[in-house]
Amino acid sequence: MFFLTGVLLSGVNDRLAYLDPGSGSFLLQLLIAVLLGAGIALKASWGKIKGLFGGKAAKDEDADEDDDD
């Protein structure tokens, strides 16, 4: 897809590109949001991830949930 886009745009002689100052700010905010979102998703599913590798962690969490009832 990138190759096709490059081929289609290679015939254009005037390459007019403009990035206003807000574009850099937007890209920085987007990067921060992606990193924070990935961190929250990792934190929310950390018990399941530990359970895949440890086996015992998932059972301990299930026991903790049963104790709360």
N, C-alpha and C. Protein backbone atom coordinates (compact mmCIF):
# COMPACT_ATOMS: atom_id res chain seq x y z
N MET A 1 0.82 -1.18 0.00
CA MET A 1 0.00 0.00 0.00
C MET A 1 0.87 1.25 0.00
N PHE A 2 1.93 1.24 0.83
CA PHE A 2 2.83 2.39 0.86
C PHE A 2 3.55 2.55 -0.47
N PHE A 3 3.91 1.42 -1.07
CA PHE A 3 4.58 1.46 -2.36
C PHE A 3 3.67 2.08 -3.42
N LEU A 4 2.40 1.66 -3.41
CA LEU A 4 1.45 2.18 -4.38
C LEU A 4 1.25 3.68 -4.19
N THR A 5 1.16 4.12 -2.95
CA THR A 5 1.03 5.55 -2.67
C THR A 5 2.26 6.31 -3.16
N GLY A 6 3.42 5.76 -2.93
CA GLY A 6 4.65 6.40 -3.39
C GLY A 6 4.72 6.50 -4.89
N VAL A 7 4.29 5.45 -5.58
CA VAL A 7 4.30 5.47 -7.04
C VAL A 7 3.32 6.51 -7.56
N LEU A 8 2.14 6.58 -6.97
CA LEU A 8 1.14 7.54 -7.42
C LEU A 8 1.58 8.98 -7.16
N LEU A 9 2.26 9.22 -6.07
CA LEU A 9 2.69 10.57 -5.74
C LEU A 9 4.01 10.96 -6.39
N SER A 10 4.73 10.01 -6.94
CA SER A 10 6.02 10.33 -7.54
C SER A 10 5.87 11.14 -8.83
N GLY A 11 4.72 11.09 -9.47
CA GLY A 11 4.50 11.86 -10.68
C GLY A 11 4.19 13.31 -10.42
N VAL A 12 3.95 13.68 -9.18
CA VAL A 12 3.62 15.06 -8.84
C VAL A 12 4.91 15.85 -8.71
N ASN A 13 5.06 16.91 -9.51
CA ASN A 13 6.28 17.70 -9.48
C ASN A 13 6.27 18.72 -8.35
N ASP A 14 5.14 19.37 -8.13
CA ASP A 14 5.06 20.33 -7.04
C ASP A 14 4.62 19.61 -5.77
N ARG A 15 5.53 19.48 -4.86
CA ARG A 15 5.20 18.86 -3.59
C ARG A 15 5.02 19.98 -2.56
N LEU A 16 3.80 20.35 -2.39
CA LEU A 16 3.48 21.41 -1.46
C LEU A 16 3.06 20.77 -0.13
N ALA A 17 3.86 20.95 0.87
CA ALA A 17 3.55 20.38 2.17
C ALA A 17 3.68 21.48 3.21
N TYR A 18 2.76 21.48 4.12
CA TYR A 18 2.77 22.48 5.17
C TYR A 18 2.37 21.83 6.47
N LEU A 19 3.18 21.98 7.46
CA LEU A 19 2.84 21.51 8.80
C LEU A 19 2.80 22.73 9.72
N ASP A 20 1.63 23.00 10.24
CA ASP A 20 1.55 24.13 11.15
C ASP A 20 2.05 23.72 12.53
N PRO A 21 2.32 24.68 13.40
CA PRO A 21 2.85 24.35 14.72
C PRO A 21 1.96 23.41 15.54
N GLY A 22 0.67 23.44 15.29
CA GLY A 22 -0.24 22.57 16.03
C GLY A 22 -0.10 21.11 15.66
N SER A 23 0.45 20.82 14.48
CA SER A 23 0.60 19.43 14.05
C SER A 23 1.59 18.69 14.94
N GLY A 24 2.69 19.32 15.28
CA GLY A 24 3.67 18.69 16.16
C GLY A 24 3.09 18.43 17.54
N SER A 25 2.33 19.38 18.04
CA SER A 25 1.68 19.22 19.34
C SER A 25 0.69 18.07 19.30
N PHE A 26 -0.08 17.98 18.21
CA PHE A 26 -1.05 16.90 18.07
C PHE A 26 -0.35 15.55 18.04
N LEU A 27 0.74 15.44 17.29
CA LEU A 27 1.47 14.18 17.21
C LEU A 27 2.06 13.79 18.56
N LEU A 28 2.54 14.77 19.31
CA LEU A 28 3.07 14.49 20.64
C LEU A 28 1.96 14.01 21.57
N GLN A 29 0.81 14.64 21.53
CA GLN A 29 -0.33 14.21 22.35
C GLN A 29 -0.79 12.81 21.96
N LEU A 30 -0.77 12.52 20.67
CA LEU A 30 -1.16 11.20 20.20
C LEU A 30 -0.20 10.14 20.72
N LEU A 31 1.09 10.42 20.68
CA LEU A 31 2.09 9.48 21.19
C LEU A 31 1.91 9.25 22.68
N ILE A 32 1.70 10.32 23.43
CA ILE A 32 1.50 10.19 24.88
C ILE A 32 0.24 9.38 25.18
N ALA A 33 -0.84 9.64 24.44
CA ALA A 33 -2.09 8.91 24.66
C ALA A 33 -1.93 7.43 24.37
N VAL A 34 -1.20 7.10 23.32
CA VAL A 34 -0.98 5.69 22.98
C VAL A 34 -0.17 5.00 24.08
N LEU A 35 0.87 5.66 24.55
CA LEU A 35 1.70 5.05 25.60
C LEU A 35 0.93 4.88 26.90
N LEU A 36 0.16 5.90 27.29
CA LEU A 36 -0.63 5.78 28.51
C LEU A 36 -1.73 4.74 28.38
N GLY A 37 -2.37 4.69 27.23
CA GLY A 37 -3.40 3.69 27.00
C GLY A 37 -2.85 2.28 27.06
N ALA A 38 -1.68 2.08 26.48
CA ALA A 38 -1.04 0.76 26.53
C ALA A 38 -0.67 0.40 27.96
N GLY A 39 -0.23 1.38 28.73
CA GLY A 39 0.11 1.13 30.14
C GLY A 39 -1.10 0.74 30.95
N ILE A 40 -2.21 1.42 30.73
CA ILE A 40 -3.44 1.11 31.47
C ILE A 40 -3.97 -0.27 31.06
N ALA A 41 -3.92 -0.58 29.77
CA ALA A 41 -4.36 -1.89 29.31
C ALA A 41 -3.48 -2.99 29.91
N LEU A 42 -2.18 -2.74 29.99
CA LEU A 42 -1.27 -3.72 30.58
C LEU A 42 -1.56 -3.91 32.06
N LYS A 43 -1.80 -2.80 32.76
CA LYS A 43 -2.09 -2.88 34.19
C LYS A 43 -3.40 -3.62 34.45
N ALA A 44 -4.41 -3.38 33.60
CA ALA A 44 -5.71 -4.01 33.78
C ALA A 44 -5.65 -5.51 33.54
N SER A 45 -4.78 -5.96 32.66
CA SER A 45 -4.72 -7.38 32.34
C SER A 45 -3.46 -8.05 32.88
N TRP A 46 -2.80 -7.42 33.83
CA TRP A 46 -1.54 -7.96 34.35
C TRP A 46 -1.74 -9.32 35.02
N GLY A 47 -2.84 -9.51 35.72
CA GLY A 47 -3.10 -10.79 36.38
C GLY A 47 -3.22 -11.93 35.38
N LYS A 48 -3.88 -11.67 34.27
CA LYS A 48 -4.01 -12.71 33.24
C LYS A 48 -2.67 -13.01 32.60
N ILE A 49 -1.86 -11.97 32.40
CA ILE A 49 -0.54 -12.17 31.81
C ILE A 49 0.33 -12.99 32.75
N LYS A 50 0.28 -12.66 34.05
CA LYS A 50 1.05 -13.43 35.02
C LYS A 50 0.57 -14.87 35.08
N GLY A 51 -0.73 -15.06 34.93
CA GLY A 51 -1.30 -16.40 34.97
C GLY A 51 -0.82 -17.26 33.82
N LEU A 52 -0.58 -16.65 32.68
CA LEU A 52 -0.09 -17.42 31.54
C LEU A 52 1.29 -17.99 31.80
N PHE A 53 2.12 -17.25 32.50
CA PHE A 53 3.50 -17.68 32.71
C PHE A 53 3.71 -18.35 34.06
N GLY A 54 2.93 -17.96 35.07
CA GLY A 54 3.14 -18.51 36.40
C GLY A 54 2.19 -19.63 36.75
N GLY A 55 0.98 -19.55 36.25
CA GLY A 55 -0.01 -20.57 36.55
C GLY A 55 -0.68 -20.36 37.88
N LYS A 56 0.07 -20.05 38.90
CA LYS A 56 -0.47 -19.91 40.24
C LYS A 56 -1.12 -18.54 40.46
N ALA A 57 -0.66 -17.51 39.77
CA ALA A 57 -1.16 -16.16 39.98
C ALA A 57 -2.64 -16.05 39.63
N ALA A 58 -3.08 -16.71 38.58
CA ALA A 58 -4.48 -16.64 38.19
C ALA A 58 -5.36 -17.33 39.22
N LYS A 59 -4.89 -18.44 39.80
CA LYS A 59 -5.66 -19.13 40.83
C LYS A 59 -5.76 -18.29 42.10
N ASP A 60 -4.66 -17.59 42.45
CA ASP A 60 -4.68 -16.74 43.63
C ASP A 60 -5.67 -15.60 43.47
N GLU A 61 -5.75 -15.02 42.29
CA GLU A 61 -6.67 -13.92 42.06
C GLU A 61 -8.11 -14.41 42.12
N ASP A 62 -8.38 -15.62 41.62
CA ASP A 62 -9.72 -16.18 41.70
C ASP A 62 -10.12 -16.42 43.15
N ALA A 63 -9.17 -16.85 43.97
CA ALA A 63 -9.45 -17.08 45.37
C ALA A 63 -9.74 -15.76 46.08
N ASP A 64 -8.99 -14.71 45.72
CA ASP A 64 -9.22 -13.39 46.32
C ASP A 64 -10.61 -12.86 45.97
N GLU A 65 -11.05 -13.10 44.73
CA GLU A 65 -12.37 -12.64 44.32
C GLU A 65 -13.45 -13.39 45.07
N ASP A 66 -13.26 -14.67 45.35
CA ASP A 66 -14.25 -15.46 46.08
C ASP A 66 -14.33 -15.01 47.53
N ASP A 67 -13.21 -14.56 48.11
CA ASP A 67 -13.19 -14.12 49.51
C ASP A 67 -13.97 -12.83 49.69
N ASP A 68 -14.07 -12.01 48.64
CA ASP A 68 -14.75 -10.72 48.75
C ASP A 68 -16.26 -10.88 48.87
N ASP A 69 -16.81 -12.02 48.44
CA ASP A 69 -18.27 -12.22 48.48
C ASP A 69 -18.80 -12.43 49.84
